[in-house]
């Protein structure tokens, strides 16, 4: 009983911190960009908003920090992404799907090797962890077929496997507990 109460309190505190963080970020994104950046420059802060200013874009006084980030995110930021996109447009779509799957399997294999060599995890636990971490690395890397469907699939499927495995384990423990009593 005490353990479930302490876990509930920890989850409640964590959720409050997450909500407060979201509200703080929302407030910061609604601040006017020019005035905020000028105030940071006047205080000679080590952190200014100059890195957010997109090149060849006029910034008027009423633009918020969130709008500047949206303008910055719309433009291609990386030389490698533009090269990868130009090469990927030459490759047929089924081969791009296969290449994405191979990249996912590559990262999964690397994490699986790490878990098996440097930890004492069993094969099934190491496989579940490596699938999840391989999907997370794949999610944040540029790929041959941009889109959120494949990214969410490579992260969602391992999460659902982990949840299903924990549910099966919980049911087995519950069944064993009933048989003992």
Protein backbone atom coordinates (compact mmCIF):
# COMPACT_ATOMS: atom_id res chain seq x y z
CA UNK A 1 0.00 0.00 0.00
CA UNK A 2 2.78 2.43 0.94
CA UNK A 3 4.62 1.65 -2.28
CA UNK A 4 1.62 2.45 -4.48
CA UNK A 5 1.01 5.72 -2.61
CA UNK A 6 4.64 6.80 -3.00
CA UNK A 7 4.59 5.87 -6.70
CA UNK A 8 1.36 7.82 -7.15
CA UNK A 9 2.90 10.85 -5.45
CA UNK A 10 5.99 10.61 -7.66
CA UNK A 11 3.83 10.35 -10.78
CA UNK A 12 1.73 13.31 -9.63
CA UNK A 13 4.82 15.45 -9.01
CA UNK A 14 6.27 14.41 -12.38
CA UNK A 15 3.05 15.28 -14.20
CA UNK A 16 2.88 18.66 -12.42
CA UNK A 17 6.47 19.38 -13.47
CA UNK A 18 5.70 18.40 -17.06
CA UNK A 19 2.59 20.60 -17.18
CA UNK A 20 4.49 23.51 -15.62
CA UNK A 21 7.29 23.04 -18.15
CA UNK A 22 4.81 23.03 -21.04
CA UNK A 23 3.14 26.20 -19.75
CA UNK A 24 6.53 27.89 -19.30
CA UNK A 25 7.61 26.99 -22.83
CA UNK A 26 4.25 28.20 -24.21
CA UNK A 27 4.72 31.51 -22.38
CA UNK A 28 8.28 31.90 -23.67
CA UNK A 29 7.21 31.18 -27.24
CA UNK A 30 4.60 33.96 -27.03
CA UNK A 31 7.13 36.63 -25.98
CA UNK A 32 8.01 39.29 -28.57
CA UNK A 33 11.27 38.32 -30.24
CA UNK A 34 12.86 41.74 -30.74
CA UNK A 35 12.27 43.08 -27.23
CA UNK A 36 13.37 39.83 -25.60
CA UNK A 37 16.56 39.59 -27.65
CA UNK A 38 17.38 43.26 -27.00
CA UNK A 39 16.88 42.76 -23.25
CA UNK A 40 19.23 39.76 -23.31
CA UNK A 41 21.85 41.82 -25.19
CA UNK A 42 21.55 44.73 -22.71
CA UNK A 43 22.14 42.37 -19.79
CA UNK A 44 25.12 40.92 -21.70
CA UNK A 45 23.68 37.45 -21.27
CA UNK A 46 25.70 34.46 -22.40
CA UNK A 47 22.57 33.16 -24.13
CA UNK A 48 20.88 35.33 -26.77
CA UNK A 49 18.32 34.58 -29.44
CA UNK A 50 20.55 35.54 -32.37
CA UNK A 51 20.93 31.93 -33.48
CA UNK A 52 17.19 31.76 -34.19
CA UNK A 53 17.25 34.56 -36.76
CA UNK A 54 16.83 32.99 -40.20
CA UNK A 55 18.92 34.47 -42.99
CA UNK A 56 17.23 36.70 -45.57
CA UNK A 57 14.10 37.13 -43.46
CA UNK A 58 12.70 40.43 -42.25
CA UNK A 59 11.74 40.36 -38.58
CA UNK A 60 9.26 42.99 -37.47
CA UNK A 61 8.70 44.03 -33.87
CA UNK A 62 5.44 42.12 -33.41
CA UNK A 63 6.84 38.69 -34.29
CA UNK A 64 7.00 36.26 -31.39
CA UNK A 65 9.73 33.78 -30.59
CA UNK A 66 7.44 30.93 -31.69
CA UNK A 67 6.87 32.53 -35.11
CA UNK A 68 10.61 32.96 -35.59
CA UNK A 69 11.17 29.30 -34.75
CA UNK A 70 8.46 28.29 -37.26
CA UNK A 71 10.13 30.38 -39.99
CA UNK A 72 13.51 28.91 -39.10
CA UNK A 73 12.17 25.34 -39.09
CA UNK A 74 10.53 25.69 -42.51
CA UNK A 75 13.84 26.33 -44.24
CA UNK A 76 16.32 23.56 -44.96
CA UNK A 77 18.98 23.93 -42.34
CA UNK A 78 21.49 21.30 -43.32
CA UNK A 79 23.63 20.89 -46.40
CA UNK A 80 23.54 17.11 -45.89
CA UNK A 81 19.74 17.04 -45.79
CA UNK A 82 19.52 18.81 -49.14
CA UNK A 83 22.02 16.38 -50.68
CA UNK A 84 20.18 13.40 -49.17
CA UNK A 85 16.86 14.71 -50.49
CA UNK A 86 18.21 15.18 -54.00
CA UNK A 87 19.66 11.66 -54.01
CA UNK A 88 16.55 10.15 -52.44
CA UNK A 89 14.32 11.64 -55.14
CA UNK A 90 16.19 9.50 -57.72
CA UNK A 91 15.52 6.25 -55.81
CA UNK A 92 12.13 4.52 -56.31
CA UNK A 93 9.81 4.56 -53.28
CA UNK A 94 9.92 0.80 -52.48
CA UNK A 95 13.71 0.92 -52.33
CA UNK A 96 13.57 3.95 -50.05
CA UNK A 97 11.31 1.99 -47.69
CA UNK A 98 13.80 -0.87 -47.77
CA UNK A 99 16.69 1.53 -47.11
CA UNK A 100 14.82 3.03 -44.14
CA UNK A 101 14.21 -0.44 -42.74
CA UNK A 102 17.88 -1.35 -43.18
CA UNK A 103 18.93 1.83 -41.35
CA UNK A 104 16.54 0.91 -38.50
CA UNK A 105 17.92 -2.63 -38.38
CA UNK A 106 21.48 -1.29 -38.38
CA UNK A 107 20.87 0.85 -35.30
CA UNK A 108 18.95 -1.95 -33.62
CA UNK A 109 21.85 -4.34 -34.28
CA UNK A 110 24.34 -1.87 -32.80
CA UNK A 111 22.29 -1.46 -29.62
CA UNK A 112 21.71 -5.22 -29.41
CA UNK A 113 25.47 -5.81 -29.67
CA UNK A 114 26.12 -3.21 -26.99
CA UNK A 115 23.54 -4.70 -24.61
CA UNK A 116 24.75 -8.27 -25.07
CA UNK A 117 28.47 -7.43 -24.77
CA UNK A 118 28.46 -4.84 -22.00
CA UNK A 119 25.46 -5.82 -19.87
CA UNK A 120 23.99 -9.00 -18.47
CA UNK A 121 20.64 -8.61 -20.20
CA UNK A 122 19.06 -11.68 -21.72
CA UNK A 123 18.31 -11.87 -25.43
CA UNK A 124 14.63 -10.97 -25.20
CA UNK A 125 15.14 -7.97 -22.90
CA UNK A 126 18.12 -6.78 -24.96
CA UNK A 127 16.10 -7.16 -28.16
CA UNK A 128 13.19 -5.12 -26.80
CA UNK A 129 15.51 -2.38 -25.56
CA UNK A 130 17.52 -2.31 -28.77
CA UNK A 131 14.35 -2.13 -30.90
CA UNK A 132 13.19 0.86 -28.88
CA UNK A 133 16.53 2.66 -28.93
CA UNK A 134 17.04 1.87 -32.63
CA UNK A 135 13.62 3.37 -33.33
CA UNK A 136 14.43 6.48 -31.29
CA UNK A 137 17.73 7.00 -33.14
CA UNK A 138 15.93 6.46 -36.46
CA UNK A 139 13.25 8.97 -35.42
CA UNK A 140 15.78 11.77 -34.98
CA UNK A 141 17.94 11.01 -38.03
CA UNK A 142 17.21 12.19 -41.56
CA UNK A 143 15.92 9.35 -43.68
CA UNK A 144 15.28 8.57 -47.35
CA UNK A 145 11.51 8.96 -47.15
CA UNK A 146 10.58 11.96 -45.01
CA UNK A 147 7.39 11.59 -43.05
CA UNK A 148 6.10 10.78 -39.63
CA UNK A 149 4.40 7.46 -40.42
CA UNK A 150 7.57 5.37 -40.62
CA UNK A 151 9.15 7.26 -37.71
CA UNK A 152 6.15 6.63 -35.47
CA UNK A 153 5.96 2.98 -36.58
CA UNK A 154 9.60 2.31 -35.73
CA UNK A 155 9.05 3.81 -32.27
CA UNK A 156 5.45 2.71 -31.67
CA UNK A 157 5.89 -0.98 -32.44
CA UNK A 158 8.72 -1.50 -29.89
CA UNK A 159 6.77 0.47 -27.27
CA UNK A 160 3.71 -1.70 -27.89
CA UNK A 161 5.88 -4.84 -27.62
CA UNK A 162 7.28 -3.62 -24.29
CA UNK A 163 3.80 -2.78 -22.98
CA UNK A 164 2.43 -6.15 -24.14
CA UNK A 165 5.33 -8.00 -22.50
CA UNK A 166 4.89 -6.14 -19.22
CA UNK A 167 1.13 -6.86 -19.31
CA UNK A 168 1.77 -10.57 -19.88
CA UNK A 169 4.30 -10.58 -17.02
CA UNK A 170 1.83 -8.79 -14.74
CA UNK A 171 -0.94 -11.25 -15.59
CA UNK A 172 1.39 -14.19 -14.93
CA UNK A 173 2.41 -12.80 -11.53
CA UNK A 174 -1.23 -12.17 -10.65
CA UNK A 175 -2.18 -15.72 -11.69
CA UNK A 176 0.72 -17.22 -9.71
CA UNK A 177 -0.26 -15.16 -6.66
CA UNK A 178 -3.85 -16.45 -6.84
CA UNK A 179 -2.67 -20.07 -7.15
CA UNK A 180 -0.43 -19.74 -4.08
CA UNK A 181 -3.21 -18.43 -1.82
